[in-house]
Amino acid sequence: MVTFDEFRAMALALPEAEQQPTWEIETLRVRTKIFAMGSPDGTTVSLKASREDQTELIAADPEVFSCPKYVGRHGWIGVRLDLVEPEELSGLLTEAWRRAAPKRLVREFDDTPGVARDADRTLPVHVIHPTV
């Protein structure tokens, strides 16, 4: 289980991530591009993803993952905070950030010590342990 505050802390720990209220929700951005969003009183957040990742995640665990309204048709994934594992959410947030961040910033992040690589997908996964 992850709280919205923990979700926000994970997202804001990524390089140049910022929070901005938009459409009555909180959007998390990197250089103005949204990579995650949700409502502090909600139980689900949305993350930028590919259509392929969206399909795989929903098929693997439809209780945790869903296709969100409005942005789901673009590959975004809905994630239930009360059911997702913190490490999985952290990895998905990192991938969402990578999709929105400029290539140079992603390269700098990849070169940062402590950034682990997911062996199955060869995408960087940065596990962040928020303090509560």
C-alpha atoms as a PDB file:
ATOM      1  CA  MET A   1       0.000   0.000   0.000  1.00  0.00           C
ATOM      2  CA  VAL A   2       1.185   3.492  -0.876  1.00  0.00           C
ATOM      3  CA  THR A   3      -0.306   6.799   0.265  1.00  0.00           C
ATOM      4  CA  PHE A   4      -0.704   9.747  -2.081  1.00  0.00           C
ATOM      5  CA  ASP A   5       1.960  11.618  -0.105  1.00  0.00           C
ATOM      6  CA  GLU A   6       4.406   8.725  -0.633  1.00  0.00           C
ATOM      7  CA  PHE A   7       3.516   8.624  -4.350  1.00  0.00           C
ATOM      8  CA  ARG A   8       4.160  12.372  -4.612  1.00  0.00           C
ATOM      9  CA  ALA A   9       7.469  12.055  -2.732  1.00  0.00           C
ATOM     10  CA  MET A  10       8.632   9.274  -5.086  1.00  0.00           C
ATOM     11  CA  ALA A  11       7.779  11.403  -8.121  1.00  0.00           C
ATOM     12  CA  LEU A  12       9.336  14.601  -6.768  1.00  0.00           C
ATOM     13  CA  ALA A  13      12.578  12.747  -5.969  1.00  0.00           C
ATOM     14  CA  LEU A  14      13.166  12.308  -9.716  1.00  0.00           C
ATOM     15  CA  PRO A  15      15.406  14.919 -11.391  1.00  0.00           C
ATOM     16  CA  GLU A  16      13.703  18.250 -12.114  1.00  0.00           C
ATOM     17  CA  ALA A  17      10.265  16.879 -11.184  1.00  0.00           C
ATOM     18  CA  GLU A  18       7.731  19.492 -10.116  1.00  0.00           C
ATOM     19  CA  GLN A  19       4.184  19.426  -8.833  1.00  0.00           C
ATOM     20  CA  GLN A  20       1.524  21.655 -10.366  1.00  0.00           C
ATOM     21  CA  PRO A  21      -2.231  21.697  -9.700  1.00  0.00           C
ATOM     22  CA  THR A  22      -4.216  21.369 -12.930  1.00  0.00           C
ATOM     23  CA  TRP A  23      -7.806  20.313 -13.679  1.00  0.00           C
ATOM     24  CA  GLU A  24      -8.508  20.009  -9.942  1.00  0.00           C
ATOM     25  CA  ILE A  25      -5.785  17.347  -9.588  1.00  0.00           C
ATOM     26  CA  GLU A  26      -2.057  17.355  -8.897  1.00  0.00           C
ATOM     27  CA  THR A  27       0.133  16.874 -11.948  1.00  0.00           C
ATOM     28  CA  LEU A  28       3.765  15.843 -11.676  1.00  0.00           C
ATOM     29  CA  ARG A  29       5.942  17.201 -14.452  1.00  0.00           C
ATOM     30  CA  VAL A  30       9.446  17.314 -15.769  1.00  0.00           C
ATOM     31  CA  ARG A  31      10.131  20.534 -17.686  1.00  0.00           C
ATOM     32  CA  THR A  32       6.394  21.183 -18.160  1.00  0.00           C
ATOM     33  CA  LYS A  33       5.612  17.671 -19.476  1.00  0.00           C
ATOM     34  CA  ILE A  34       3.223  15.642 -17.324  1.00  0.00           C
ATOM     35  CA  PHE A  35       4.362  12.143 -16.360  1.00  0.00           C
ATOM     36  CA  ALA A  36       1.988  11.379 -13.464  1.00  0.00           C
ATOM     37  CA  MET A  37      -1.162  12.769 -11.885  1.00  0.00           C
ATOM     38  CA  GLY A  38      -3.738  12.141  -9.230  1.00  0.00           C
ATOM     39  CA  SER A  39      -5.884  13.611  -6.491  1.00  0.00           C
ATOM     40  CA  PRO A  40      -4.709  13.679  -2.873  1.00  0.00           C
ATOM     41  CA  ASP A  41      -8.143  12.314  -1.833  1.00  0.00           C
ATOM     42  CA  GLY A  42      -8.254   9.690  -4.580  1.00  0.00           C
ATOM     43  CA  THR A  43      -7.296   6.034  -4.479  1.00  0.00           C
ATOM     44  CA  THR A  44      -5.941   5.844  -8.037  1.00  0.00           C
ATOM     45  CA  VAL A  45      -3.164   7.733  -9.820  1.00  0.00           C
ATOM     46  CA  SER A  46      -2.316   7.848 -13.527  1.00  0.00           C
ATOM     47  CA  LEU A  47       1.146   7.348 -15.022  1.00  0.00           C
ATOM     48  CA  LYS A  48       2.459   7.901 -18.524  1.00  0.00           C
ATOM     49  CA  ALA A  49       3.173   4.553 -20.212  1.00  0.00           C
ATOM     50  CA  SER A  50       3.174   2.919 -23.612  1.00  0.00           C
ATOM     51  CA  ARG A  51       0.102   1.136 -24.930  1.00  0.00           C
ATOM     52  CA  GLU A  52       2.073  -2.131 -24.787  1.00  0.00           C
ATOM     53  CA  ASP A  53       2.972  -1.631 -21.118  1.00  0.00           C
ATOM     54  CA  GLN A  54      -0.616  -0.644 -20.369  1.00  0.00           C
ATOM     55  CA  THR A  55      -1.940  -3.844 -21.964  1.00  0.00           C
ATOM     56  CA  GLU A  56       0.606  -6.036 -20.149  1.00  0.00           C
ATOM     57  CA  LEU A  57       0.014  -4.457 -16.737  1.00  0.00           C
ATOM     58  CA  ILE A  58      -3.780  -4.650 -16.946  1.00  0.00           C
ATOM     59  CA  ALA A  59      -3.615  -8.276 -18.139  1.00  0.00           C
ATOM     60  CA  ALA A  60      -1.184  -9.202 -15.345  1.00  0.00           C
ATOM     61  CA  ASP A  61      -3.125  -7.580 -12.490  1.00  0.00           C
ATOM     62  CA  PRO A  62      -6.481  -5.960 -13.357  1.00  0.00           C
ATOM     63  CA  GLU A  63      -7.209  -5.286  -9.664  1.00  0.00           C
ATOM     64  CA  VAL A  64      -4.211  -2.948  -9.424  1.00  0.00           C
ATOM     65  CA  PHE A  65      -3.997  -1.531 -12.954  1.00  0.00           C
ATOM     66  CA  SER A  66      -6.647   0.047 -15.177  1.00  0.00           C
ATOM     67  CA  CYS A  67      -7.149   2.228 -18.230  1.00  0.00           C
ATOM     68  CA  PRO A  68      -7.865   5.760 -16.950  1.00  0.00           C
ATOM     69  CA  LYS A  69     -10.456   8.069 -18.508  1.00  0.00           C
ATOM     70  CA  TYR A  70      -9.270  10.627 -21.058  1.00  0.00           C
ATOM     71  CA  VAL A  71      -5.573   9.654 -21.109  1.00  0.00           C
ATOM     72  CA  GLY A  72      -5.926   5.856 -21.192  1.00  0.00           C
ATOM     73  CA  ARG A  73      -6.289   5.864 -24.966  1.00  0.00           C
ATOM     74  CA  HIS A  74      -2.764   7.321 -25.107  1.00  0.00           C
ATOM     75  CA  GLY A  75      -1.282   4.431 -23.113  1.00  0.00           C
ATOM     76  CA  TRP A  76      -1.453   5.925 -19.622  1.00  0.00           C
ATOM     77  CA  ILE A  77      -2.028   3.452 -16.810  1.00  0.00           C
ATOM     78  CA  GLY A  78      -4.238   3.811 -13.739  1.00  0.00           C
ATOM     79  CA  VAL A  79      -2.715   2.448 -10.522  1.00  0.00           C
ATOM     80  CA  ARG A  80      -4.575   1.716  -7.276  1.00  0.00           C
ATOM     81  CA  LEU A  81      -2.457   3.058  -4.448  1.00  0.00           C
ATOM     82  CA  ASP A  82      -4.006   0.736  -1.866  1.00  0.00           C
ATOM     83  CA  LEU A  83      -2.919  -2.388  -3.796  1.00  0.00           C
ATOM     84  CA  VAL A  84       0.357  -1.548  -5.556  1.00  0.00           C
ATOM     85  CA  GLU A  85       3.727  -2.511  -4.077  1.00  0.00           C
ATOM     86  CA  PRO A  86       5.938   0.551  -3.375  1.00  0.00           C
ATOM     87  CA  GLU A  87       8.885  -0.839  -5.388  1.00  0.00           C
ATOM     88  CA  GLU A  88       6.677  -1.510  -8.413  1.00  0.00           C
ATOM     89  CA  LEU A  89       5.167   1.976  -8.260  1.00  0.00           C
ATOM     90  CA  SER A  90       8.633   3.505  -7.972  1.00  0.00           C
ATOM     91  CA  GLY A  91       9.762   1.652 -11.101  1.00  0.00           C
ATOM     92  CA  LEU A  92       6.635   2.665 -13.023  1.00  0.00           C
ATOM     93  CA  LEU A  93       7.081   6.294 -11.951  1.00  0.00           C
ATOM     94  CA  THR A  94      10.677   6.226 -13.139  1.00  0.00           C
ATOM     95  CA  GLU A  95       9.607   4.846 -16.524  1.00  0.00           C
ATOM     96  CA  ALA A  96       6.859   7.480 -16.777  1.00  0.00           C
ATOM     97  CA  TRP A  97       9.395  10.211 -15.952  1.00  0.00           C
ATOM     98  CA  ARG A  98      11.773   8.833 -18.604  1.00  0.00           C
ATOM     99  CA  ARG A  99       9.013   9.080 -21.242  1.00  0.00           C
ATOM    100  CA  ALA A 100       8.489  12.779 -20.474  1.00  0.00           C
ATOM    101  CA  ALA A 101      12.027  13.941 -19.647  1.00  0.00           C
ATOM    102  CA  PRO A 102      14.412  15.352 -22.266  1.00  0.00           C
ATOM    103  CA  LYS A 103      16.898  12.773 -23.588  1.00  0.00           C
ATOM    104  CA  ARG A 104      19.887  14.599 -22.122  1.00  0.00           C
ATOM    105  CA  LEU A 105      18.344  14.572 -18.645  1.00  0.00           C
ATOM    106  CA  VAL A 106      17.562  10.853 -18.994  1.00  0.00           C
ATOM    107  CA  ARG A 107      21.189  10.167 -19.996  1.00  0.00           C
ATOM    108  CA  GLU A 108      22.434  12.111 -16.962  1.00  0.00           C
ATOM    109  CA  PHE A 109      20.052  10.139 -14.752  1.00  0.00           C
ATOM    110  CA  ASP A 110      21.206   6.839 -16.262  1.00  0.00           C
ATOM    111  CA  ASP A 111      24.813   7.786 -15.485  1.00  0.00           C
ATOM    112  CA  THR A 112      23.987   8.544 -11.839  1.00  0.00           C
ATOM    113  CA  PRO A 113      25.460   6.057  -9.347  1.00  0.00           C
ATOM    114  CA  GLY A 114      22.771   4.055  -7.561  1.00  0.00           C
ATOM    115  CA  VAL A 115      20.428   3.772 -10.539  1.00  0.00           C
ATOM    116  CA  ALA A 116      19.740   0.066 -11.000  1.00  0.00           C
ATOM    117  CA  ARG A 117      18.705  -1.580 -14.247  1.00  0.00           C
ATOM    118  CA  ASP A 118      15.702  -3.871 -14.507  1.00  0.00           C
ATOM    119  CA  ALA A 119      17.166  -7.061 -16.034  1.00  0.00           C
ATOM    120  CA  ASP A 120      14.001  -8.004 -17.929  1.00  0.00           C
ATOM    121  CA  ARG A 121      13.398  -4.648 -19.588  1.00  0.00           C
ATOM    122  CA  THR A 122      16.826  -2.972 -19.435  1.00  0.00           C
ATOM    123  CA  LEU A 123      15.115   0.215 -18.293  1.00  0.00           C
ATOM    124  CA  PRO A 124      16.483   2.147 -15.347  1.00  0.00           C
ATOM    125  CA  VAL A 125      14.608   1.609 -12.129  1.00  0.00           C
ATOM    126  CA  HIS A 126      15.341   3.968  -9.255  1.00  0.00           C
ATOM    127  CA  VAL A 127      13.931   2.613  -6.015  1.00  0.00           C
ATOM    128  CA  ILE A 128      13.058   5.443  -3.684  1.00  0.00           C
ATOM    129  CA  HIS A 129      12.118   4.754  -0.096  1.00  0.00           C
ATOM    130  CA  PRO A 130      10.018   7.681   1.111  1.00  0.00           C
ATOM    131  CA  THR A 131      10.240   8.648   4.736  1.00  0.00           C
ATOM    132  CA  VAL A 132       6.999   8.639   6.629  1.00  0.00           C
END
